[in-house]
C-alpha atoms as a PDB file:
ATOM      1  CA  MET A   1      39.019-367.061 197.518  1.00  0.00           C
ATOM      2  CA  ASN A   2      38.426-363.463 196.339  1.00  0.00           C
ATOM      3  CA  ASP A   3      37.285-360.540 198.491  1.00  0.00           C
ATOM      4  CA  TYR A   4      33.619-360.938 197.554  1.00  0.00           C
ATOM      5  CA  ALA A   5      33.579-364.637 198.451  1.00  0.00           C
ATOM      6  CA  ARG A   6      34.841-363.757 201.936  1.00  0.00           C
ATOM      7  CA  VAL A   7      32.259-360.983 202.310  1.00  0.00           C
ATOM      8  CA  GLU A   8      29.520-363.375 201.235  1.00  0.00           C
ATOM      9  CA  LYS A   9      30.624-365.820 203.936  1.00  0.00           C
ATOM     10  CA  VAL A  10      30.317-363.013 206.478  1.00  0.00           C
ATOM     11  CA  ILE A  11      26.820-362.117 205.262  1.00  0.00           C
ATOM     12  CA  ARG A  12      25.714-365.740 205.534  1.00  0.00           C
ATOM     13  CA  TYR A  13      27.252-365.930 209.004  1.00  0.00           C
ATOM     14  CA  LEU A  14      25.347-362.808 210.044  1.00  0.00           C
ATOM     15  CA  ASP A  15      22.078-364.233 208.734  1.00  0.00           C
ATOM     16  CA  GLU A  16      22.550-367.219 211.014  1.00  0.00           C
ATOM     17  CA  ASN A  17      24.007-365.437 214.048  1.00  0.00           C
ATOM     18  CA  HIS A  18      22.644-361.887 213.957  1.00  0.00           C
ATOM     19  CA  PRO A  19      20.703-362.170 217.273  1.00  0.00           C
ATOM     20  CA  ALA A  20      23.996-362.849 219.055  1.00  0.00           C
ATOM     21  CA  GLN A  21      25.501-359.568 217.787  1.00  0.00           C
ATOM     22  CA  PRO A  22      28.792-361.137 216.606  1.00  0.00           C
ATOM     23  CA  SER A  23      31.985-359.219 217.288  1.00  0.00           C
ATOM     24  CA  LEU A  24      34.728-358.247 214.851  1.00  0.00           C
ATOM     25  CA  ALA A  25      36.655-361.299 216.057  1.00  0.00           C
ATOM     26  CA  ASP A  26      33.677-363.532 215.269  1.00  0.00           C
ATOM     27  CA  LEU A  27      33.361-362.124 211.746  1.00  0.00           C
ATOM     28  CA  ALA A  28      37.081-362.444 211.074  1.00  0.00           C
ATOM     29  CA  SER A  29      37.030-366.032 212.285  1.00  0.00           C
ATOM     30  CA  ALA A  30      34.066-366.816 210.033  1.00  0.00           C
ATOM     31  CA  CYS A  31      36.194-366.159 206.962  1.00  0.00           C
ATOM     32  CA  GLY A  32      39.455-367.493 208.370  1.00  0.00           C
ATOM     33  CA  LEU A  33      41.340-364.205 208.752  1.00  0.00           C
ATOM     34  CA  SER A  34      42.930-362.232 211.570  1.00  0.00           C
ATOM     35  CA  GLU A  35      40.947-359.257 212.843  1.00  0.00           C
ATOM     36  CA  SER A  36      43.308-356.706 211.296  1.00  0.00           C
ATOM     37  CA  HIS A  37      43.446-358.489 207.936  1.00  0.00           C
ATOM     38  CA  PHE A  38      39.678-358.879 207.859  1.00  0.00           C
ATOM     39  CA  HIS A  39      39.097-355.223 208.745  1.00  0.00           C
ATOM     40  CA  ARG A  40      41.440-354.029 205.964  1.00  0.00           C
ATOM     41  CA  LEU A  41      39.931-356.401 203.413  1.00  0.00           C
ATOM     42  CA  PHE A  42      36.386-355.443 204.334  1.00  0.00           C
ATOM     43  CA  HIS A  43      37.025-351.707 204.229  1.00  0.00           C
ATOM     44  CA  ARG A  44      38.765-352.063 200.870  1.00  0.00           C
ATOM     45  CA  TRP A  45      35.755-353.907 199.436  1.00  0.00           C
ATOM     46  CA  ALA A  46      32.877-352.012 201.059  1.00  0.00           C
ATOM     47  CA  GLY A  47      34.369-348.569 201.600  1.00  0.00           C
ATOM     48  CA  ALA A  48      33.014-348.749 205.141  1.00  0.00           C
ATOM     49  CA  THR A  49      33.670-350.457 208.454  1.00  0.00           C
ATOM     50  CA  PRO A  50      32.025-353.826 209.105  1.00  0.00           C
ATOM     51  CA  LYS A  51      29.830-352.141 211.731  1.00  0.00           C
ATOM     52  CA  ASP A  52      28.449-349.561 209.270  1.00  0.00           C
ATOM     53  CA  PHE A  53      27.958-352.182 206.585  1.00  0.00           C
ATOM     54  CA  ILE A  54      26.149-354.558 208.934  1.00  0.00           C
ATOM     55  CA  GLN A  55      23.768-351.768 209.887  1.00  0.00           C
ATOM     56  CA  CYS A  56      22.778-351.529 206.213  1.00  0.00           C
ATOM     57  CA  LEU A  57      21.824-355.213 206.187  1.00  0.00           C
ATOM     58  CA  THR A  58      19.106-354.948 208.834  1.00  0.00           C
ATOM     59  CA  VAL A  59      15.403-355.182 208.066  1.00  0.00           C
ATOM     60  CA  GLU A  60      14.724-351.882 209.823  1.00  0.00           C
ATOM     61  CA  HIS A  61      17.288-350.154 207.645  1.00  0.00           C
ATOM     62  CA  ALA A  62      15.639-351.586 204.519  1.00  0.00           C
ATOM     63  CA  LYS A  63      12.214-350.387 205.673  1.00  0.00           C
ATOM     64  CA  ARG A  64      13.585-346.917 206.319  1.00  0.00           C
ATOM     65  CA  ARG A  65      15.180-346.868 202.853  1.00  0.00           C
ATOM     66  CA  LEU A  66      11.836-347.797 201.313  1.00  0.00           C
ATOM     67  CA  ARG A  67      10.174-344.874 203.072  1.00  0.00           C
ATOM     68  CA  GLU A  68      12.976-342.450 202.204  1.00  0.00           C
ATOM     69  CA  SER A  69      13.025-343.551 198.577  1.00  0.00           C
ATOM     70  CA  ALA A  70       9.291-343.173 198.027  1.00  0.00           C
ATOM     71  CA  SER A  71       9.247-339.473 197.068  1.00  0.00           C
ATOM     72  CA  VAL A  72      12.367-339.834 194.930  1.00  0.00           C
ATOM     73  CA  LEU A  73      10.911-342.808 193.109  1.00  0.00           C
ATOM     74  CA  ASP A  74       7.577-341.099 192.511  1.00  0.00           C
ATOM     75  CA  ALA A  75       9.384-338.451 190.492  1.00  0.00           C
ATOM     76  CA  ALA A  76      11.754-340.933 188.876  1.00  0.00           C
ATOM     77  CA  LEU A  77       9.078-343.366 187.742  1.00  0.00           C
ATOM     78  CA  ASP A  78       6.583-340.689 186.689  1.00  0.00           C
ATOM     79  CA  ALA A  79       8.956-338.437 184.776  1.00  0.00           C
ATOM     80  CA  GLY A  80      11.945-340.640 184.034  1.00  0.00           C
ATOM     81  CA  LEU A  81      14.169-338.490 186.240  1.00  0.00           C
ATOM     82  CA  SER A  82      16.063-339.701 189.266  1.00  0.00           C
ATOM     83  CA  GLY A  83      16.143-336.508 191.314  1.00  0.00           C
ATOM     84  CA  PRO A  84      19.245-336.423 193.524  1.00  0.00           C
ATOM     85  CA  GLY A  85      20.474-339.858 192.453  1.00  0.00           C
ATOM     86  CA  ARG A  86      22.478-341.020 189.462  1.00  0.00           C
ATOM     87  CA  LEU A  87      20.368-341.000 186.266  1.00  0.00           C
ATOM     88  CA  HIS A  88      20.823-344.656 185.486  1.00  0.00           C
ATOM     89  CA  ASP A  89      18.177-344.826 182.774  1.00  0.00           C
ATOM     90  CA  LEU A  90      20.129-342.320 180.665  1.00  0.00           C
ATOM     91  CA  LEU A  91      23.226-344.481 180.967  1.00  0.00           C
ATOM     92  CA  VAL A  92      21.629-347.773 179.919  1.00  0.00           C
ATOM     93  CA  THR A  93      19.268-347.934 176.941  1.00  0.00           C
ATOM     94  CA  ILE A  94      17.220-351.084 176.329  1.00  0.00           C
ATOM     95  CA  GLU A  95      16.469-352.270 172.816  1.00  0.00           C
ATOM     96  CA  ALA A  96      14.109-355.217 172.470  1.00  0.00           C
ATOM     97  CA  ALA A  97      14.662-357.942 169.897  1.00  0.00           C
ATOM     98  CA  SER A  98      12.083-358.050 167.122  1.00  0.00           C
ATOM     99  CA  PRO A  99       9.533-360.907 166.974  1.00  0.00           C
ATOM    100  CA  GLY A 100      11.425-362.257 163.969  1.00  0.00           C
ATOM    101  CA  GLU A 101      14.734-362.275 165.842  1.00  0.00           C
ATOM    102  CA  ILE A 102      13.120-364.023 168.775  1.00  0.00           C
ATOM    103  CA  LYS A 103      11.406-366.585 166.543  1.00  0.00           C
ATOM    104  CA  SER A 104      14.652-367.383 164.737  1.00  0.00           C
ATOM    105  CA  GLY A 105      16.482-367.903 168.013  1.00  0.00           C
ATOM    106  CA  GLY A 106      19.256-365.606 166.870  1.00  0.00           C
ATOM    107  CA  SER A 107      19.909-367.401 163.600  1.00  0.00           C
ATOM    108  CA  GLY A 108      22.707-365.613 161.717  1.00  0.00           C
ATOM    109  CA  MET A 109      23.664-363.655 164.852  1.00  0.00           C
ATOM    110  CA  THR A 110      27.102-363.796 166.479  1.00  0.00           C
ATOM    111  CA  ILE A 111      27.244-363.236 170.225  1.00  0.00           C
ATOM    112  CA  GLU A 112      30.554-362.820 172.022  1.00  0.00           C
ATOM    113  CA  TRP A 113      30.742-363.788 175.670  1.00  0.00           C
ATOM    114  CA  GLY A 114      33.306-364.246 178.382  1.00  0.00           C
ATOM    115  CA  PHE A 115      34.087-364.512 182.075  1.00  0.00           C
ATOM    116  CA  ALA A 116      35.047-361.524 184.215  1.00  0.00           C
ATOM    117  CA  ASP A 117      35.738-360.744 187.850  1.00  0.00           C
ATOM    118  CA  THR A 118      33.626-358.093 189.599  1.00  0.00           C
ATOM    119  CA  PRO A 119      33.324-356.629 193.098  1.00  0.00           C
ATOM    120  CA  PHE A 120      30.423-359.069 193.571  1.00  0.00           C
ATOM    121  CA  GLY A 121      32.088-362.241 192.349  1.00  0.00           C
ATOM    122  CA  ASN A 122      32.640-363.852 188.962  1.00  0.00           C
ATOM    123  CA  CYS A 123      30.233-363.217 186.126  1.00  0.00           C
ATOM    124  CA  THR A 124      29.609-363.997 182.482  1.00  0.00           C
ATOM    125  CA  ILE A 125      28.818-361.231 180.017  1.00  0.00           C
ATOM    126  CA  GLY A 126      27.421-361.651 176.502  1.00  0.00           C
ATOM    127  CA  TRP A 127      27.086-358.995 173.806  1.00  0.00           C
ATOM    128  CA  ASN A 128      26.625-358.359 170.094  1.00  0.00           C
ATOM    129  CA  PRO A 129      26.767-355.148 168.012  1.00  0.00           C
ATOM    130  CA  ARG A 130      23.281-354.210 169.284  1.00  0.00           C
ATOM    131  CA  GLY A 131      24.300-354.259 172.937  1.00  0.00           C
ATOM    132  CA  ILE A 132      24.803-356.401 176.047  1.00  0.00           C
ATOM    133  CA  CYS A 133      22.391-359.332 176.015  1.00  0.00           C
ATOM    134  CA  HIS A 134      23.555-361.333 179.024  1.00  0.00           C
ATOM    135  CA  LEU A 135      25.061-360.696 182.454  1.00  0.00           C
ATOM    136  CA  ALA A 136      24.923-363.335 185.169  1.00  0.00           C
ATOM    137  CA  PHE A 137      26.897-363.894 188.355  1.00  0.00           C
ATOM    138  CA  ARG A 138      28.684-367.232 188.674  1.00  0.00           C
ATOM    139  CA  ASP A 139      29.761-369.491 191.517  1.00  0.00           C
ATOM    140  CA  ALA A 140      33.311-370.779 191.576  1.00  0.00           C
ATOM    141  CA  ASP A 141      32.354-374.158 190.072  1.00  0.00           C
ATOM    142  CA  GLU A 142      30.718-372.471 187.071  1.00  0.00           C
ATOM    143  CA  ILE A 143      33.579-370.346 185.807  1.00  0.00           C
ATOM    144  CA  SER A 144      34.568-372.646 182.957  1.00  0.00           C
ATOM    145  CA  VAL A 145      31.096-373.474 181.682  1.00  0.00           C
ATOM    146  CA  GLN A 146      29.338-371.752 178.786  1.00  0.00           C
ATOM    147  CA  PRO A 147      26.292-369.907 180.214  1.00  0.00           C
ATOM    148  CA  SER A 148      23.280-372.136 179.605  1.00  0.00           C
ATOM    149  CA  GLU A 149      20.789-369.270 179.832  1.00  0.00           C
ATOM    150  CA  LEU A 150      22.552-367.389 177.039  1.00  0.00           C
ATOM    151  CA  HIS A 151      22.318-370.434 174.776  1.00  0.00           C
ATOM    152  CA  ALA A 152      18.695-370.988 175.801  1.00  0.00           C
ATOM    153  CA  SER A 153      17.782-367.399 174.871  1.00  0.00           C
ATOM    154  CA  TRP A 154      19.628-367.504 171.539  1.00  0.00           C
ATOM    155  CA  PRO A 155      19.846-371.222 170.620  1.00  0.00           C
ATOM    156  CA  ASN A 156      20.690-370.627 166.958  1.00  0.00           C
ATOM    157  CA  ALA A 157      23.257-367.856 167.439  1.00  0.00           C
ATOM    158  CA  THR A 158      26.991-368.421 167.080  1.00  0.00           C
ATOM    159  CA  LEU A 159      28.653-367.987 170.491  1.00  0.00           C
ATOM    160  CA  GLN A 160      32.296-366.905 170.564  1.00  0.00           C
ATOM    161  CA  ARG A 161      34.262-366.706 173.806  1.00  0.00           C
ATOM    162  CA  ASN A 162      36.270-363.537 174.483  1.00  0.00           C
ATOM    163  CA  ASP A 163      37.345-363.207 178.132  1.00  0.00           C
ATOM    164  CA  ARG A 164      39.572-360.204 177.467  1.00  0.00           C
ATOM    165  CA  GLU A 165      36.736-358.086 176.075  1.00  0.00           C
ATOM    166  CA  ALA A 166      34.382-359.314 178.805  1.00  0.00           C
ATOM    167  CA  ALA A 167      36.845-358.067 181.431  1.00  0.00           C
ATOM    168  CA  LEU A 168      37.002-354.654 179.765  1.00  0.00           C
ATOM    169  CA  ARG A 169      33.214-354.412 179.692  1.00  0.00           C
ATOM    170  CA  ALA A 170      32.989-355.433 183.339  1.00  0.00           C
ATOM    171  CA  GLN A 171      35.369-352.616 184.275  1.00  0.00           C
ATOM    172  CA  ILE A 172      32.911-350.130 182.759  1.00  0.00           C
ATOM    173  CA  ILE A 173      29.733-351.740 184.088  1.00  0.00           C
ATOM    174  CA  PHE A 174      30.915-351.979 187.703  1.00  0.00           C
ATOM    175  CA  ASP A 175      32.671-348.607 187.890  1.00  0.00           C
ATOM    176  CA  PRO A 176      30.161-345.753 188.473  1.00  0.00           C
ATOM    177  CA  GLU A 177      32.574-343.154 187.109  1.00  0.00           C
ATOM    178  CA  ALA A 178      33.329-345.169 183.968  1.00  0.00           C
ATOM    179  CA  ILE A 179      29.703-345.950 183.164  1.00  0.00           C
ATOM    180  CA  ALA A 180      28.780-342.289 183.652  1.00  0.00           C
ATOM    181  CA  THR A 181      30.993-341.421 180.681  1.00  0.00           C
ATOM    182  CA  THR A 182      30.285-344.554 178.619  1.00  0.00           C
ATOM    183  CA  PRO A 183      26.531-345.065 178.109  1.00  0.00           C
ATOM    184  CA  LEU A 184      25.663-348.687 177.406  1.00  0.00           C
ATOM    185  CA  ARG A 185      23.054-350.394 175.263  1.00  0.00           C
ATOM    186  CA  ALA A 186      21.199-353.546 176.238  1.00  0.00           C
ATOM    187  CA  PHE A 187      19.678-355.933 173.691  1.00  0.00           C
ATOM    188  CA  VAL A 188      17.074-358.254 175.200  1.00  0.00           C
ATOM    189  CA  ARG A 189      14.369-360.773 174.485  1.00  0.00           C
ATOM    190  CA  ALA A 190      11.299-359.437 176.255  1.00  0.00           C
ATOM    191  CA  THR A 191       7.520-359.270 176.352  1.00  0.00           C
ATOM    192  CA  PRO A 192       5.957-355.785 176.440  1.00  0.00           C
ATOM    193  CA  PHE A 193       5.236-356.275 180.156  1.00  0.00           C
ATOM    194  CA  GLN A 194       8.825-357.269 180.932  1.00  0.00           C
ATOM    195  CA  LEU A 195      10.104-354.209 179.080  1.00  0.00           C
ATOM    196  CA  LYS A 196       7.883-351.931 181.163  1.00  0.00           C
ATOM    197  CA  VAL A 197       9.182-353.473 184.363  1.00  0.00           C
ATOM    198  CA  TRP A 198      12.833-353.381 183.324  1.00  0.00           C
ATOM    199  CA  ARG A 199      12.611-349.777 182.156  1.00  0.00           C
ATOM    200  CA  ALA A 200      11.071-348.867 185.509  1.00  0.00           C
ATOM    201  CA  LEU A 201      13.949-350.609 187.281  1.00  0.00           C
ATOM    202  CA  LEU A 202      16.435-348.491 185.342  1.00  0.00           C
ATOM    203  CA  ARG A 203      14.867-345.389 186.893  1.00  0.00           C
ATOM    204  CA  ILE A 204      15.619-346.476 190.461  1.00  0.00           C
ATOM    205  CA  PRO A 205      18.685-344.437 191.437  1.00  0.00           C
ATOM    206  CA  GLU A 206      21.700-346.131 192.935  1.00  0.00           C
ATOM    207  CA  GLY A 207      21.362-346.342 196.703  1.00  0.00           C
ATOM    208  CA  ARG A 208      17.552-346.343 196.554  1.00  0.00           C
ATOM    209  CA  ILE A 209      15.118-349.254 196.709  1.00  0.00           C
ATOM    210  CA  ALA A 210      11.509-349.887 195.707  1.00  0.00           C
ATOM    211  CA  SER A 211       8.893-352.469 196.584  1.00  0.00           C
ATOM    212  CA  TYR A 212       7.338-354.770 194.015  1.00  0.00           C
ATOM    213  CA  ARG A 213       4.041-352.980 194.631  1.00  0.00           C
ATOM    214  CA  THR A 214       5.633-349.598 193.870  1.00  0.00           C
ATOM    215  CA  ILE A 215       6.915-350.862 190.522  1.00  0.00           C
ATOM    216  CA  ALA A 216       3.550-352.456 189.678  1.00  0.00           C
ATOM    217  CA  THR A 217       1.759-349.179 190.410  1.00  0.00           C
ATOM    218  CA  ALA A 218       4.308-347.169 188.441  1.00  0.00           C
ATOM    219  CA  ILE A 219       3.706-349.179 185.267  1.00  0.00           C
ATOM    220  CA  GLY A 220      -0.064-348.926 185.612  1.00  0.00           C
ATOM    221  CA  LYS A 221      -0.618-352.482 186.865  1.00  0.00           C
ATOM    222  CA  PRO A 222      -1.173-352.057 190.623  1.00  0.00           C
ATOM    223  CA  THR A 223      -2.473-355.608 191.124  1.00  0.00           C
ATOM    224  CA  ALA A 224       0.393-357.234 189.211  1.00  0.00           C
ATOM    225  CA  THR A 225       2.858-357.443 192.099  1.00  0.00           C
ATOM    226  CA  ARG A 226       3.529-361.131 191.560  1.00  0.00           C
ATOM    227  CA  ALA A 227       4.025-360.629 187.816  1.00  0.00           C
ATOM    228  CA  VAL A 228       6.504-357.824 188.545  1.00  0.00           C
ATOM    229  CA  GLY A 229       8.439-360.231 190.753  1.00  0.00           C
ATOM    230  CA  THR A 230       8.508-362.775 187.929  1.00  0.00           C
ATOM    231  CA  ALA A 231       9.742-360.137 185.467  1.00  0.00           C
ATOM    232  CA  CYS A 232      12.505-359.136 187.893  1.00  0.00           C
ATOM    233  CA  GLY A 233      13.516-362.782 188.213  1.00  0.00           C
ATOM    234  CA  SER A 234      13.732-363.190 184.439  1.00  0.00           C
ATOM    235  CA  ASN A 235      16.001-360.188 183.957  1.00  0.00           C
ATOM    236  CA  PRO A 236      18.786-361.411 181.609  1.00  0.00           C
ATOM    237  CA  ILE A 237      21.216-358.634 182.531  1.00  0.00           C
ATOM    238  CA  GLY A 238      21.904-358.761 186.251  1.00  0.00           C
ATOM    239  CA  TYR A 239      23.118-355.579 187.958  1.00  0.00           C
ATOM    240  CA  LEU A 240      22.901-353.481 184.778  1.00  0.00           C
ATOM    241  CA  ILE A 241      19.104-353.709 184.956  1.00  0.00           C
ATOM    242  CA  PRO A 242      19.005-353.328 188.751  1.00  0.00           C
ATOM    243  CA  CYS A 243      16.400-355.860 189.842  1.00  0.00           C
ATOM    244  CA  HIS A 244      18.368-356.129 193.109  1.00  0.00           C
ATOM    245  CA  ARG A 245      16.894-352.737 194.088  1.00  0.00           C
ATOM    246  CA  VAL A 246      13.395-354.174 194.398  1.00  0.00           C
ATOM    247  CA  ILE A 247      12.488-355.795 197.724  1.00  0.00           C
ATOM    248  CA  ARG A 248       9.434-356.817 199.701  1.00  0.00           C
ATOM    249  CA  GLU A 249       7.572-354.152 201.651  1.00  0.00           C
ATOM    250  CA  THR A 250       8.435-356.066 204.824  1.00  0.00           C
ATOM    251  CA  GLY A 251      12.096-355.135 204.311  1.00  0.00           C
ATOM    252  CA  ILE A 252      13.101-358.778 203.846  1.00  0.00           C
ATOM    253  CA  VAL A 253      15.798-359.106 201.191  1.00  0.00           C
ATOM    254  CA  GLN A 254      15.132-362.357 199.366  1.00  0.00           C
ATOM    255  CA  GLY A 255      14.168-363.644 195.942  1.00  0.00           C
ATOM    256  CA  TYR A 256      17.339-362.888 193.973  1.00  0.00           C
ATOM    257  CA  ARG A 257      18.221-365.439 191.302  1.00  0.00           C
ATOM    258  CA  TRP A 258      21.927-365.064 192.088  1.00  0.00           C
ATOM    259  CA  GLY A 259      21.468-365.564 195.826  1.00  0.00           C
ATOM    260  CA  HIS A 260      20.060-363.386 198.581  1.00  0.00           C
ATOM    261  CA  ALA A 261      23.529-362.909 200.119  1.00  0.00           C
ATOM    262  CA  ARG A 262      24.689-361.266 196.885  1.00  0.00           C
ATOM    263  CA  LYS A 263      21.537-359.111 196.818  1.00  0.00           C
ATOM    264  CA  GLN A 264      22.259-358.008 200.385  1.00  0.00           C
ATOM    265  CA  ALA A 265      25.847-357.198 199.409  1.00  0.00           C
ATOM    266  CA  LEU A 266      24.734-355.170 196.383  1.00  0.00           C
ATOM    267  CA  LEU A 267      22.180-353.159 198.360  1.00  0.00           C
ATOM    268  CA  ALA A 268      24.377-352.595 201.401  1.00  0.00           C
ATOM    269  CA  ARG A 269      27.351-351.444 199.352  1.00  0.00           C
ATOM    270  CA  GLU A 270      25.150-349.019 197.387  1.00  0.00           C
ATOM    271  CA  ALA A 271      23.598-347.741 200.630  1.00  0.00           C
ATOM    272  CA  VAL A 272      27.043-347.199 202.149  1.00  0.00           C
ATOM    273  CA  GLY A 273      28.023-345.223 199.042  1.00  0.00           C
ATOM    274  CA  LEU A 274      24.963-342.977 199.433  1.00  0.00           C
ATOM    275  CA  LYS A 275      25.909-341.856 202.955  1.00  0.00           C
END
């Protein structure tokens, strides 16, 4: 079991036992470790103590982040600038496939893909010369299976496995310092509406969050909250297009296709890094 898998167990334990205010001993026991081992592991993964990290998982903290992020996001979504945060949209450029490429299902296209380990568990990454076209987190029982969603998006493309290159790409994607010096391109199948939503997501700085309503308003479709949620859920490049930074206005963190515990982990770790 890797570090993230243990952290995920703790998050699930907290979801079920939060009212009881579990102690460090309780959390360590939940993932089968001694208190000292758990504390070292957790601090290595999160860069914070379990107490500080847990505080970032609360609904009240999420609501406060929504309020604090509002003015930053207004500027970011209106002008394409992220203010005091990292300018993610300058680091990741989205190129949409042409109607012909979509219609052909990738005929004549070669897509490399592979498995990689990340701070948030195993993932698969797919790419071609135009850019990264697939990034999805994987459970332990899926780490030897070709990603079905990649094949479904590009059924007529030639898929070639390359775990070594996938690992190198993951090192860049999940390292803020590396990605800051290595801008990435994304190549996606998308409707015009999906592109608007995904480009808006790229303007949410790391450590900030937005509501679905905020994104809908930012793209000029204030009544399309549900459609924005659907577009977030169909994002083919998890983490890189940060759909995890969009939550309900209630502060409830749910609705992530790779599991709400992973979404909580992503948001809490980014929030810890912002402090």
